[in-house]
C-alpha cells in the first residue's frame, strides 16, 4: 500500500462536494422538518390542537419514509429527482433525496424535543393571553433550543452517512471517490483516506454540536 499515488486534488474536490451536500441538505431539512415536527407536536394527544386523525396520517407517512433504507430511497426517487432537479447525479441530484430521507427523521426529533418542554411553560404562556403561534415561538422553541441543537447535530451526522451512500449511484463526494477508486480499482489507500476524513468530519460536527448544546443549556 502506497500513499504516493493518492489524487489529493480529487480528494480535496470530494471533500468540498461532501460539505456542499451536507450543508445544503441540512438547511433544507431544518426548514422542512422543523414545521413538520411542530405540527406533529401540536396535533399530538393532549396538545394544543389534539387532532388524532391528522397526527396518525402524518405518523404513517413519516414512518413509511423512515423505514425505507436510504440507498433504496435514492433509487426509487430517481424519476422524481430528475423531474425536480433535472438530474439524478452530482450534488444537485443528491440533495433532493437527502432532504426527503432526513426531513421526517428530523421532524420526529423535533417532536420529541418539544414534548420534553415542561407543560408549565405552555400553561403560563397561555395564561398570559398568548396565541398558539406566540406560545410556540416565544416559549416552547426557546425552552427546547438545546434539544433542537442536539437534533440538528444528529441529523448532520446522518447526512454525512447518507452522502457517502449516495456515492454508489454517482452522487459525488467522498463516498463516490471511495467507491470508484478504493473499491472498483482496488486502491485501498484512497479508501482509507476517504474513510478517515469522514470520521474526522463526523467528530468535528459532534464536538461543535456538543459545545452549542452546553452553551445554550447554560442560558
Foldseek 3Di string as FASTA:
>chain_A
DDPPPDPVVQQVVLAVQLVCLLVLLLVLLCVQQLVLLVVLQQCPPPHVNVPVVVNVVSVVVLVVLQVDPLLVLLVVCQVVLCVVQVHCAESSNQSVSLSSNLSSVLSNLNNVLLVPQDVVQLVVCVVVVDDPVCSVPVTRCLSSVLSNLVSSLVSSLVSLVSCLSSLVVRHGHLNVQCCVCCPPVVPVVSVVVSVVVNVVVNVVSVVVSVVVSVVSVVD
